[in-house]
PDB file of all heavy atoms in Angstrom:
ATOM      1  N   LEU A   1       0.854  -1.183   0.000  1.00  0.00           N
ATOM      2  CA  LEU A   1       0.000   0.000   0.000  1.00  0.00           C
ATOM      3  C   LEU A   1       0.892   1.236   0.000  1.00  0.00           C
ATOM      4  O   LEU A   1       1.781   1.364   0.851  1.00  0.00           O
ATOM      5  CB  LEU A   1      -0.907   0.028   1.230  1.00  0.00           C
ATOM      6  CG  LEU A   1      -2.196  -0.789   1.209  1.00  0.00           C
ATOM      7  CD1 LEU A   1      -1.899  -2.276   1.050  1.00  0.00           C
ATOM      8  CD2 LEU A   1      -3.005  -0.558   2.478  1.00  0.00           C
ATOM      9  N   ALA A   2       0.670   2.144  -0.943  1.00  0.00           N
ATOM     10  CA  ALA A   2       1.473   3.357  -1.026  1.00  0.00           C
ATOM     11  C   ALA A   2       0.583   4.522  -1.416  1.00  0.00           C
ATOM     12  O   ALA A   2      -0.468   4.339  -2.042  1.00  0.00           O
ATOM     13  CB  ALA A   2       2.605   3.190  -2.043  1.00  0.00           C
ATOM     14  N   GLY A   3       0.999   5.731  -1.045  1.00  0.00           N
ATOM     15  CA  GLY A   3       0.229   6.903  -1.423  1.00  0.00           C
ATOM     16  C   GLY A   3       0.209   7.944  -0.340  1.00  0.00           C
ATOM     17  O   GLY A   3       1.057   7.958   0.566  1.00  0.00           O
ATOM     18  N   GLU A   4      -0.795   8.821  -0.425  1.00  0.00           N
ATOM     19  CA  GLU A   4      -0.876   9.978   0.455  1.00  0.00           C
ATOM     20  C   GLU A   4      -2.221  10.002   1.166  1.00  0.00           C
ATOM     21  O   GLU A   4      -3.265   9.918   0.502  1.00  0.00           O
ATOM     22  CB  GLU A   4      -0.696  11.274  -0.337  1.00  0.00           C
ATOM     23  CG  GLU A   4       0.603  11.356  -1.125  1.00  0.00           C
ATOM     24  CD  GLU A   4       0.560  10.577  -2.418  1.00  0.00           C
ATOM     25  OE1 GLU A   4      -0.449  10.683  -3.143  1.00  0.00           O
ATOM     26  OE2 GLU A   4       1.526   9.833  -2.689  1.00  0.00           O
ATOM     27  N   ILE A   5      -2.184  10.152   2.478  1.00  0.00           N
ATOM     28  CA  ILE A   5      -3.410  10.196   3.273  1.00  0.00           C
ATOM     29  C   ILE A   5      -3.265  11.279   4.335  1.00  0.00           C
ATOM     30  O   ILE A   5      -2.267  11.332   5.058  1.00  0.00           O
ATOM     31  CB  ILE A   5      -3.685   8.836   3.950  1.00  0.00           C
ATOM     32  CG1 ILE A   5      -4.054   7.792   2.895  1.00  0.00           C
ATOM     33  CG2 ILE A   5      -4.799   8.963   5.002  1.00  0.00           C
ATOM     34  CD1 ILE A   5      -4.213   6.391   3.432  1.00  0.00           C
ATOM     35  N   THR A   6      -4.279  12.147   4.422  1.00  0.00           N
ATOM     36  CA  THR A   6      -4.378  13.116   5.502  1.00  0.00           C
ATOM     37  C   THR A   6      -5.739  12.936   6.155  1.00  0.00           C
ATOM     38  O   THR A   6      -6.771  13.139   5.504  1.00  0.00           O
ATOM     39  CB  THR A   6      -4.216  14.556   4.983  1.00  0.00           C
ATOM     40  OG1 THR A   6      -2.924  14.683   4.369  1.00  0.00           O
ATOM     41  CG2 THR A   6      -4.330  15.559   6.121  1.00  0.00           C
ATOM     42  N   SER A   7      -5.751  12.520   7.415  1.00  0.00           N
ATOM     43  CA  SER A   7      -7.010  12.172   8.068  1.00  0.00           C
ATOM     44  C   SER A   7      -6.832  12.161   9.579  1.00  0.00           C
ATOM     45  O   SER A   7      -5.729  11.926  10.090  1.00  0.00           O
ATOM     46  CB  SER A   7      -7.470  10.779   7.600  1.00  0.00           C
ATOM     47  OG  SER A   7      -8.631  10.366   8.280  1.00  0.00           O
ATOM     48  N   ASN A   8      -7.931  12.393  10.283  1.00  0.00           N
ATOM     49  CA  ASN A   8      -7.949  12.256  11.736  1.00  0.00           C
ATOM     50  C   ASN A   8      -8.310  10.845  12.178  1.00  0.00           C
ATOM     51  O   ASN A   8      -8.347  10.556  13.371  1.00  0.00           O
ATOM     52  CB  ASN A   8      -8.944  13.252  12.344  1.00  0.00           C
ATOM     53  CG  ASN A   8      -8.479  14.692  12.190  1.00  0.00           C
ATOM     54  OD1 ASN A   8      -7.297  14.987  12.359  1.00  0.00           O
ATOM     55  ND2 ASN A   8      -9.411  15.585  11.858  1.00  0.00           N
ATOM     56  N   ALA A   9      -8.615   9.982  11.213  1.00  0.00           N
ATOM     57  CA  ALA A   9      -8.992   8.603  11.530  1.00  0.00           C
ATOM     58  C   ALA A   9      -7.778   7.790  11.963  1.00  0.00           C
ATOM     59  O   ALA A   9      -6.649   8.063  11.553  1.00  0.00           O
ATOM     60  CB  ALA A   9      -9.649   7.957  10.319  1.00  0.00           C
ATOM     61  N   GLN A  10      -8.026   6.789  12.779  1.00  0.00           N
ATOM     62  CA  GLN A  10      -7.005   5.835  13.198  1.00  0.00           C
ATOM     63  C   GLN A  10      -7.362   4.479  12.597  1.00  0.00           C
ATOM     64  O   GLN A  10      -8.335   3.847  13.014  1.00  0.00           O
ATOM     65  CB  GLN A  10      -6.942   5.755  14.724  1.00  0.00           C
ATOM     66  CG  GLN A  10      -6.563   7.063  15.392  1.00  0.00           C
ATOM     67  CD  GLN A  10      -5.160   7.514  15.030  1.00  0.00           C
ATOM     68  OE1 GLN A  10      -4.211   6.717  15.049  1.00  0.00           O
ATOM     69  NE2 GLN A  10      -5.006   8.795  14.695  1.00  0.00           N
ATOM     70  N   VAL A  11      -6.609   4.062  11.614  1.00  0.00           N
ATOM     71  CA  VAL A  11      -6.954   2.861  10.851  1.00  0.00           C
ATOM     72  C   VAL A  11      -5.763   1.911  10.811  1.00  0.00           C
ATOM     73  O   VAL A  11      -4.622   2.331  10.580  1.00  0.00           O
ATOM     74  CB  VAL A  11      -7.372   3.235   9.406  1.00  0.00           C
ATOM     75  CG1 VAL A  11      -7.513   1.989   8.536  1.00  0.00           C
ATOM     76  CG2 VAL A  11      -8.678   4.020   9.423  1.00  0.00           C
ATOM     77  N   ASP A  12      -6.030   0.628  11.022  1.00  0.00           N
ATOM     78  CA  ASP A  12      -5.030  -0.421  10.854  1.00  0.00           C
ATOM     79  C   ASP A  12      -5.072  -0.835   9.375  1.00  0.00           C
ATOM     80  O   ASP A  12      -5.881  -1.661   8.970  1.00  0.00           O
ATOM     81  CB  ASP A  12      -5.355  -1.604  11.761  1.00  0.00           C
ATOM     82  CG  ASP A  12      -4.302  -2.709  11.700  1.00  0.00           C
ATOM     83  OD1 ASP A  12      -3.553  -2.775  10.706  1.00  0.00           O
ATOM     84  OD2 ASP A  12      -4.254  -3.523  12.650  1.00  0.00           O
ATOM     85  N   TYR A  13      -4.215  -0.231   8.583  1.00  0.00           N
ATOM     86  CA  TYR A  13      -4.275  -0.427   7.137  1.00  0.00           C
ATOM     87  C   TYR A  13      -4.027  -1.877   6.745  1.00  0.00           C
ATOM     88  O   TYR A  13      -4.689  -2.411   5.842  1.00  0.00           O
ATOM     89  CB  TYR A  13      -3.261   0.486   6.445  1.00  0.00           C
ATOM     90  CG  TYR A  13      -3.511   1.956   6.673  1.00  0.00           C
ATOM     91  CD1 TYR A  13      -2.573   2.734   7.348  1.00  0.00           C
ATOM     92  CD2 TYR A  13      -4.674   2.557   6.222  1.00  0.00           C
ATOM     93  CE1 TYR A  13      -2.799   4.096   7.560  1.00  0.00           C
ATOM     94  CE2 TYR A  13      -4.914   3.904   6.426  1.00  0.00           C
ATOM     95  CZ  TYR A  13      -3.967   4.671   7.104  1.00  0.00           C
ATOM     96  OH  TYR A  13      -4.197   6.004   7.317  1.00  0.00           O
ATOM     97  N   ALA A  14      -3.098  -2.529   7.400  1.00  0.00           N
ATOM     98  CA  ALA A  14      -2.808  -3.925   7.076  1.00  0.00           C
ATOM     99  C   ALA A  14      -4.019  -4.808   7.341  1.00  0.00           C
ATOM    100  O   ALA A  14      -4.342  -5.704   6.551  1.00  0.00           O
ATOM    101  CB  ALA A  14      -1.605  -4.414   7.869  1.00  0.00           C
ATOM    102  N   GLN A  15      -4.720  -4.548   8.447  1.00  0.00           N
ATOM    103  CA  GLN A  15      -5.893  -5.348   8.763  1.00  0.00           C
ATOM    104  C   GLN A  15      -7.018  -5.109   7.768  1.00  0.00           C
ATOM    105  O   GLN A  15      -7.714  -6.044   7.359  1.00  0.00           O
ATOM    106  CB  GLN A  15      -6.385  -5.043  10.178  1.00  0.00           C
ATOM    107  CG  GLN A  15      -7.469  -5.999  10.664  1.00  0.00           C
ATOM    108  CD  GLN A  15      -6.988  -7.442  10.688  1.00  0.00           C
ATOM    109  OE1 GLN A  15      -5.945  -7.751  11.259  1.00  0.00           O
ATOM    110  NE2 GLN A  15      -7.724  -8.341  10.038  1.00  0.00           N
ATOM    111  N   VAL A  16      -7.199  -3.861   7.360  1.00  0.00           N
ATOM    112  CA  VAL A  16      -8.212  -3.560   6.332  1.00  0.00           C
ATOM    113  C   VAL A  16      -7.905  -4.337   5.062  1.00  0.00           C
ATOM    114  O   VAL A  16      -8.791  -4.950   4.453  1.00  0.00           O
ATOM    115  CB  VAL A  16      -8.264  -2.048   6.040  1.00  0.00           C
ATOM    116  CG1 VAL A  16      -9.110  -1.764   4.796  1.00  0.00           C
ATOM    117  CG2 VAL A  16      -8.816  -1.283   7.232  1.00  0.00           C
ATOM    118  N   ALA A  17      -6.641  -4.322   4.651  1.00  0.00           N
ATOM    119  CA  ALA A  17      -6.253  -5.029   3.431  1.00  0.00           C
ATOM    120  C   ALA A  17      -6.533  -6.524   3.544  1.00  0.00           C
ATOM    121  O   ALA A  17      -7.079  -7.145   2.619  1.00  0.00           O
ATOM    122  CB  ALA A  17      -4.772  -4.788   3.140  1.00  0.00           C
ATOM    123  N   ARG A  18      -6.178  -7.102   4.674  1.00  0.00           N
ATOM    124  CA  ARG A  18      -6.428  -8.536   4.864  1.00  0.00           C
ATOM    125  C   ARG A  18      -7.924  -8.847   4.845  1.00  0.00           C
ATOM    126  O   ARG A  18      -8.354  -9.856   4.265  1.00  0.00           O
ATOM    127  CB  ARG A  18      -5.806  -9.012   6.182  1.00  0.00           C
ATOM    128  CG  ARG A  18      -4.295  -8.967   6.204  1.00  0.00           C
ATOM    129  CD  ARG A  18      -3.754  -9.599   7.491  1.00  0.00           C
ATOM    130  NE  ARG A  18      -2.334  -9.312   7.657  1.00  0.00           N
ATOM    131  CZ  ARG A  18      -1.359  -9.951   7.035  1.00  0.00           C
ATOM    132  NH1 ARG A  18      -1.658 -10.925   6.193  1.00  0.00           N
ATOM    133  NH2 ARG A  18      -0.095  -9.629   7.254  1.00  0.00           N
ATOM    134  N   ASP A  19      -8.709  -8.005   5.488  1.00  0.00           N
ATOM    135  CA  ASP A  19     -10.158  -8.243   5.529  1.00  0.00           C
ATOM    136  C   ASP A  19     -10.761  -8.202   4.119  1.00  0.00           C
ATOM    137  O   ASP A  19     -11.645  -9.009   3.785  1.00  0.00           O
ATOM    138  CB  ASP A  19     -10.837  -7.197   6.411  1.00  0.00           C
ATOM    139  CG  ASP A  19     -10.532  -7.377   7.887  1.00  0.00           C
ATOM    140  OD1 ASP A  19     -10.025  -8.460   8.273  1.00  0.00           O
ATOM    141  OD2 ASP A  19     -10.780  -6.428   8.661  1.00  0.00           O
ATOM    142  N   VAL A  20     -10.303  -7.270   3.296  1.00  0.00           N
ATOM    143  CA  VAL A  20     -10.808  -7.178   1.926  1.00  0.00           C
ATOM    144  C   VAL A  20     -10.444  -8.428   1.140  1.00  0.00           C
ATOM    145  O   VAL A  20     -11.297  -9.040   0.480  1.00  0.00           O
ATOM    146  CB  VAL A  20     -10.255  -5.916   1.224  1.00  0.00           C
ATOM    147  CG1 VAL A  20     -10.582  -5.955  -0.274  1.00  0.00           C
ATOM    148  CG2 VAL A  20     -10.824  -4.649   1.844  1.00  0.00           C
ATOM    149  N   VAL A  21      -9.198  -8.831   1.204  1.00  0.00           N
ATOM    150  CA  VAL A  21      -8.748 -10.007   0.453  1.00  0.00           C
ATOM    151  C   VAL A  21      -9.486 -11.250   0.920  1.00  0.00           C
ATOM    152  O   VAL A  21      -9.886 -12.105   0.116  1.00  0.00           O
ATOM    153  CB  VAL A  21      -7.225 -10.180   0.597  1.00  0.00           C
ATOM    154  CG1 VAL A  21      -6.770 -11.498  -0.024  1.00  0.00           C
ATOM    155  CG2 VAL A  21      -6.496  -9.010  -0.056  1.00  0.00           C
ATOM    156  N   ARG A  22      -9.706 -11.355   2.224  1.00  0.00           N
ATOM    157  CA  ARG A  22     -10.430 -12.504   2.766  1.00  0.00           C
ATOM    158  C   ARG A  22     -11.864 -12.546   2.234  1.00  0.00           C
ATOM    159  O   ARG A  22     -12.370 -13.616   1.856  1.00  0.00           O
ATOM    160  CB  ARG A  22     -10.438 -12.453   4.291  1.00  0.00           C
ATOM    161  CG  ARG A  22     -11.010 -13.716   4.947  1.00  0.00           C
ATOM    162  CD  ARG A  22     -11.021 -13.612   6.468  1.00  0.00           C
ATOM    163  NE  ARG A  22      -9.685 -13.371   7.008  1.00  0.00           N
ATOM    164  CZ  ARG A  22      -9.278 -12.209   7.513  1.00  0.00           C
ATOM    165  NH1 ARG A  22     -10.122 -11.171   7.556  1.00  0.00           N
ATOM    166  NH2 ARG A  22      -8.058 -12.077   7.979  1.00  0.00           N
ATOM    167  N   SER A  23     -12.526 -11.395   2.194  1.00  0.00           N
ATOM    168  CA  SER A  23     -13.915 -11.360   1.729  1.00  0.00           C
ATOM    169  C   SER A  23     -14.028 -11.693   0.245  1.00  0.00           C
ATOM    170  O   SER A  23     -15.060 -12.193  -0.208  1.00  0.00           O
ATOM    171  CB  SER A  23     -14.531  -9.985   2.006  1.00  0.00           C
ATOM    172  OG  SER A  23     -13.970  -9.002   1.159  1.00  0.00           O
ATOM    173  N   ILE A  24     -12.988 -11.430  -0.522  1.00  0.00           N
ATOM    174  CA  ILE A  24     -12.987 -11.782  -1.944  1.00  0.00           C
ATOM    175  C   ILE A  24     -12.954 -13.299  -2.119  1.00  0.00           C
ATOM    176  O   ILE A  24     -13.542 -13.834  -3.064  1.00  0.00           O
ATOM    177  CB  ILE A  24     -11.790 -11.125  -2.653  1.00  0.00           C
ATOM    178  CG1 ILE A  24     -11.971  -9.602  -2.693  1.00  0.00           C
ATOM    179  CG2 ILE A  24     -11.618 -11.667  -4.073  1.00  0.00           C
ATOM    180  CD1 ILE A  24     -10.740  -8.843  -3.148  1.00  0.00           C
ATOM    181  N   GLY A  25     -12.269 -13.987  -1.200  1.00  0.00           N
ATOM    182  CA  GLY A  25     -12.214 -15.443  -1.269  1.00  0.00           C
ATOM    183  C   GLY A  25     -10.823 -16.033  -1.307  1.00  0.00           C
ATOM    184  O   GLY A  25     -10.669 -17.245  -1.436  1.00  0.00           O
ATOM    185  N   TYR A  26      -9.807 -15.181  -1.176  1.00  0.00           N
ATOM    186  CA  TYR A  26      -8.427 -15.685  -1.159  1.00  0.00           C
ATOM    187  C   TYR A  26      -8.028 -15.992   0.283  1.00  0.00           C
ATOM    188  O   TYR A  26      -7.455 -15.163   0.983  1.00  0.00           O
ATOM    189  CB  TYR A  26      -7.485 -14.663  -1.793  1.00  0.00           C
ATOM    190  CG  TYR A  26      -7.645 -14.559  -3.291  1.00  0.00           C
ATOM    191  CD1 TYR A  26      -8.067 -13.378  -3.890  1.00  0.00           C
ATOM    192  CD2 TYR A  26      -7.386 -15.659  -4.113  1.00  0.00           C
ATOM    193  CE1 TYR A  26      -8.222 -13.293  -5.264  1.00  0.00           C
ATOM    194  CE2 TYR A  26      -7.546 -15.582  -5.492  1.00  0.00           C
ATOM    195  CZ  TYR A  26      -7.963 -14.394  -6.057  1.00  0.00           C
ATOM    196  OH  TYR A  26      -8.120 -14.310  -7.421  1.00  0.00           O
ATOM    197  N   THR A  27      -8.335 -17.196   0.691  1.00  0.00           N
ATOM    198  CA  THR A  27      -8.165 -17.593   2.093  1.00  0.00           C
ATOM    199  C   THR A  27      -7.342 -18.868   2.261  1.00  0.00           C
ATOM    200  O   THR A  27      -7.309 -19.440   3.342  1.00  0.00           O
ATOM    201  CB  THR A  27      -9.541 -17.809   2.737  1.00  0.00           C
ATOM    202  OG1 THR A  27     -10.263 -18.799   1.983  1.00  0.00           O
ATOM    203  CG2 THR A  27     -10.343 -16.518   2.768  1.00  0.00           C
TER     204      THR A  27
END
């Protein structure tokens, strides 16, 4: 994951990525 983000949110980017891939079916 690369790019630019400016936000007040606190996000676990790695976990979001894993959750998306899991929901697609790559498990």
